[in-house]
Amino acid sequence: MKTATHYQHLKCTNDTNGNPRRVFVLYDAAGNIAQAIDEGYGGKPESCRGLIELPSYNIAPAERRDLLKAYRAA
């Protein structure tokens, strides 16, 4: 995994059952996506500690799904 230096909290509307759909995206120093982490009910993941926080914003559910599919940690 690339070494992350920044993170961003991206938010969607809740699903039809009321479950949250949010993702933390970690970026390397060059601005490339290093990892995407599904928030679920866990809140901010430990891997975000000590990183620079970028502004949060809202995204479409399909964008969240695509980020997690492409960059979720194995």
N, C-alpha and C. Protein backbone atom coordinates (compact mmCIF):
# COMPACT_ATOMS: atom_id res chain seq x y z
N MET A 1 0.84 -1.19 0.00
CA MET A 1 0.00 0.00 0.00
C MET A 1 0.88 1.25 0.00
N LYS A 2 0.46 2.26 -0.71
CA LYS A 2 1.16 3.54 -0.72
C LYS A 2 1.03 4.18 0.67
N THR A 3 2.02 4.97 1.05
CA THR A 3 1.97 5.64 2.34
C THR A 3 1.03 6.84 2.26
N ALA A 4 0.01 6.82 3.09
CA ALA A 4 -0.99 7.89 3.08
C ALA A 4 -0.50 9.09 3.89
N THR A 5 -0.82 10.29 3.40
CA THR A 5 -0.47 11.52 4.11
C THR A 5 -1.70 12.38 4.39
N HIS A 6 -2.80 12.16 3.66
CA HIS A 6 -4.03 12.94 3.79
C HIS A 6 -5.23 11.99 3.76
N TYR A 7 -6.34 12.45 4.31
CA TYR A 7 -7.58 11.68 4.17
C TYR A 7 -8.76 12.62 3.97
N GLN A 8 -9.83 12.06 3.42
CA GLN A 8 -11.05 12.81 3.15
C GLN A 8 -12.25 11.94 3.50
N HIS A 9 -13.25 12.53 4.12
CA HIS A 9 -14.47 11.83 4.50
C HIS A 9 -15.56 12.16 3.48
N LEU A 10 -15.97 11.17 2.72
CA LEU A 10 -16.99 11.37 1.68
C LEU A 10 -18.29 10.73 2.15
N LYS A 11 -19.39 11.45 1.96
CA LYS A 11 -20.67 11.04 2.54
C LYS A 11 -21.74 10.89 1.46
N CYS A 12 -22.60 9.90 1.65
CA CYS A 12 -23.79 9.67 0.80
C CYS A 12 -25.02 9.72 1.69
N THR A 13 -26.15 9.65 1.08
CA THR A 13 -27.38 9.49 1.84
C THR A 13 -27.40 8.07 2.42
N ASN A 14 -28.15 7.87 3.50
CA ASN A 14 -28.28 6.53 4.07
C ASN A 14 -29.02 5.63 3.08
N ASP A 15 -28.80 4.32 3.22
CA ASP A 15 -29.51 3.39 2.33
C ASP A 15 -30.97 3.27 2.77
N THR A 16 -31.75 2.47 2.08
CA THR A 16 -33.19 2.38 2.35
C THR A 16 -33.50 1.83 3.74
N ASN A 17 -32.55 1.15 4.37
CA ASN A 17 -32.73 0.63 5.73
C ASN A 17 -32.21 1.60 6.79
N GLY A 18 -31.72 2.75 6.37
CA GLY A 18 -31.22 3.74 7.30
C GLY A 18 -29.75 3.57 7.66
N ASN A 19 -29.07 2.64 7.02
CA ASN A 19 -27.66 2.42 7.30
C ASN A 19 -26.80 3.50 6.65
N PRO A 20 -25.75 3.94 7.34
CA PRO A 20 -24.88 5.00 6.78
C PRO A 20 -24.08 4.49 5.60
N ARG A 21 -23.83 5.39 4.65
CA ARG A 21 -22.98 5.08 3.50
C ARG A 21 -21.94 6.19 3.41
N ARG A 22 -20.82 5.96 4.10
CA ARG A 22 -19.74 6.94 4.11
C ARG A 22 -18.42 6.21 3.91
N VAL A 23 -17.47 6.91 3.35
CA VAL A 23 -16.18 6.30 3.07
C VAL A 23 -15.06 7.29 3.40
N PHE A 24 -13.97 6.76 3.94
CA PHE A 24 -12.76 7.54 4.15
C PHE A 24 -11.81 7.20 3.01
N VAL A 25 -11.31 8.22 2.32
CA VAL A 25 -10.36 8.02 1.23
C VAL A 25 -9.01 8.55 1.69
N LEU A 26 -7.98 7.70 1.62
CA LEU A 26 -6.63 8.07 2.01
C LEU A 26 -5.82 8.34 0.75
N TYR A 27 -5.04 9.43 0.79
CA TYR A 27 -4.25 9.86 -0.37
C TYR A 27 -2.77 9.85 0.00
N ASP A 28 -1.92 9.56 -1.00
CA ASP A 28 -0.48 9.67 -0.79
C ASP A 28 -0.04 11.12 -1.01
N ALA A 29 1.25 11.38 -0.87
CA ALA A 29 1.77 12.75 -0.97
C ALA A 29 1.56 13.36 -2.36
N ALA A 30 1.44 12.52 -3.39
CA ALA A 30 1.24 13.01 -4.75
C ALA A 30 -0.24 13.23 -5.07
N GLY A 31 -1.13 12.91 -4.13
CA GLY A 31 -2.56 13.10 -4.35
C GLY A 31 -3.25 11.90 -4.96
N ASN A 32 -2.55 10.77 -5.07
CA ASN A 32 -3.16 9.55 -5.59
C ASN A 32 -3.89 8.82 -4.47
N ILE A 33 -4.97 8.15 -4.82
CA ILE A 33 -5.71 7.39 -3.82
C ILE A 33 -4.88 6.18 -3.40
N ALA A 34 -4.67 6.06 -2.08
CA ALA A 34 -3.92 4.94 -1.53
C ALA A 34 -4.86 3.85 -1.04
N GLN A 35 -6.04 4.26 -0.51
CA GLN A 35 -6.97 3.30 0.07
C GLN A 35 -8.32 3.95 0.28
N ALA A 36 -9.38 3.15 0.23
CA ALA A 36 -10.73 3.60 0.57
C ALA A 36 -11.25 2.68 1.67
N ILE A 37 -11.79 3.28 2.72
CA ILE A 37 -12.25 2.51 3.89
C ILE A 37 -13.71 2.83 4.15
N ASP A 38 -14.56 1.81 4.16
CA ASP A 38 -15.97 1.97 4.46
C ASP A 38 -16.11 2.32 5.95
N GLU A 39 -16.83 3.39 6.25
CA GLU A 39 -16.98 3.80 7.64
C GLU A 39 -17.87 2.85 8.42
N GLY A 40 -18.97 2.43 7.83
CA GLY A 40 -19.92 1.60 8.57
C GLY A 40 -20.35 2.32 9.84
N TYR A 41 -20.38 1.59 10.95
CA TYR A 41 -20.72 2.20 12.24
C TYR A 41 -19.48 2.45 13.09
N GLY A 42 -18.30 2.22 12.52
CA GLY A 42 -17.06 2.30 13.29
C GLY A 42 -16.50 3.68 13.49
N GLY A 43 -16.96 4.67 12.76
CA GLY A 43 -16.39 6.00 12.89
C GLY A 43 -15.06 6.11 12.18
N LYS A 44 -14.29 7.10 12.54
CA LYS A 44 -13.00 7.35 11.87
C LYS A 44 -12.04 6.21 12.16
N PRO A 45 -11.47 5.60 11.11
CA PRO A 45 -10.56 4.48 11.33
C PRO A 45 -9.22 4.92 11.92
N GLU A 46 -8.57 3.99 12.58
CA GLU A 46 -7.27 4.22 13.20
C GLU A 46 -6.24 4.71 12.18
N SER A 47 -6.35 4.24 10.94
CA SER A 47 -5.37 4.60 9.91
C SER A 47 -5.43 6.07 9.51
N CYS A 48 -6.44 6.81 9.96
CA CYS A 48 -6.53 8.25 9.68
C CYS A 48 -5.80 9.10 10.71
N ARG A 49 -5.43 8.49 11.83
CA ARG A 49 -4.75 9.26 12.89
C ARG A 49 -3.42 9.80 12.37
N GLY A 50 -3.19 11.06 12.64
CA GLY A 50 -1.93 11.69 12.26
C GLY A 50 -1.88 12.18 10.82
N LEU A 51 -2.93 11.93 10.05
CA LEU A 51 -2.96 12.39 8.66
C LEU A 51 -3.63 13.75 8.58
N ILE A 52 -3.35 14.48 7.53
CA ILE A 52 -3.97 15.78 7.29
C ILE A 52 -5.38 15.56 6.76
N GLU A 53 -6.36 16.21 7.37
CA GLU A 53 -7.76 16.06 6.95
C GLU A 53 -8.10 17.07 5.85
N LEU A 54 -8.64 16.56 4.76
CA LEU A 54 -9.11 17.40 3.66
C LEU A 54 -10.60 17.66 3.86
N PRO A 55 -11.17 18.67 3.19
CA PRO A 55 -12.60 18.95 3.35
C PRO A 55 -13.47 17.75 2.95
N SER A 56 -14.55 17.58 3.69
CA SER A 56 -15.52 16.53 3.39
C SER A 56 -16.53 17.04 2.38
N TYR A 57 -17.12 16.13 1.64
CA TYR A 57 -18.21 16.53 0.76
C TYR A 57 -19.10 15.34 0.44
N ASN A 58 -20.25 15.62 -0.14
CA ASN A 58 -21.23 14.59 -0.47
C ASN A 58 -20.95 14.02 -1.85
N ILE A 59 -21.16 12.71 -1.98
CA ILE A 59 -21.01 12.03 -3.26
C ILE A 59 -22.22 11.14 -3.50
N ALA A 60 -22.38 10.68 -4.72
CA ALA A 60 -23.47 9.77 -5.07
C ALA A 60 -23.13 8.36 -4.58
N PRO A 61 -24.14 7.57 -4.24
CA PRO A 61 -23.90 6.19 -3.81
C PRO A 61 -23.07 5.37 -4.80
N ALA A 62 -23.27 5.59 -6.08
CA ALA A 62 -22.50 4.85 -7.09
C ALA A 62 -21.01 5.21 -7.03
N GLU A 63 -20.70 6.47 -6.73
CA GLU A 63 -19.29 6.88 -6.60
C GLU A 63 -18.64 6.19 -5.40
N ARG A 64 -19.39 6.11 -4.30
CA ARG A 64 -18.90 5.42 -3.10
C ARG A 64 -18.62 3.96 -3.42
N ARG A 65 -19.57 3.31 -4.06
CA ARG A 65 -19.41 1.90 -4.41
C ARG A 65 -18.18 1.68 -5.29
N ASP A 66 -17.99 2.55 -6.28
CA ASP A 66 -16.86 2.41 -7.19
C ASP A 66 -15.53 2.63 -6.46
N LEU A 67 -15.48 3.61 -5.54
CA LEU A 67 -14.26 3.84 -4.77
C LEU A 67 -13.90 2.61 -3.93
N LEU A 68 -14.89 2.06 -3.25
CA LEU A 68 -14.63 0.90 -2.40
C LEU A 68 -14.22 -0.31 -3.23
N LYS A 69 -14.84 -0.47 -4.38
CA LYS A 69 -14.51 -1.61 -5.23
C LYS A 69 -13.07 -1.51 -5.75
N ALA A 70 -12.64 -0.32 -6.10
CA ALA A 70 -11.32 -0.13 -6.70
C ALA A 70 -10.20 -0.03 -5.66
N TYR A 71 -10.48 0.53 -4.47
CA TYR A 71 -9.40 0.87 -3.55
C TYR A 71 -9.53 0.28 -2.15
N ARG A 72 -10.45 -0.61 -1.92
CA ARG A 72 -10.60 -1.21 -0.59
C ARG A 72 -9.36 -2.03 -0.27
N ALA A 73 -8.92 -1.96 0.98
CA ALA A 73 -7.74 -2.75 1.39
C ALA A 73 -8.09 -4.23 1.38
N ALA A 74 -7.13 -5.00 0.96
CA ALA A 74 -7.34 -6.46 0.88
C ALA A 74 -7.30 -7.09 2.24
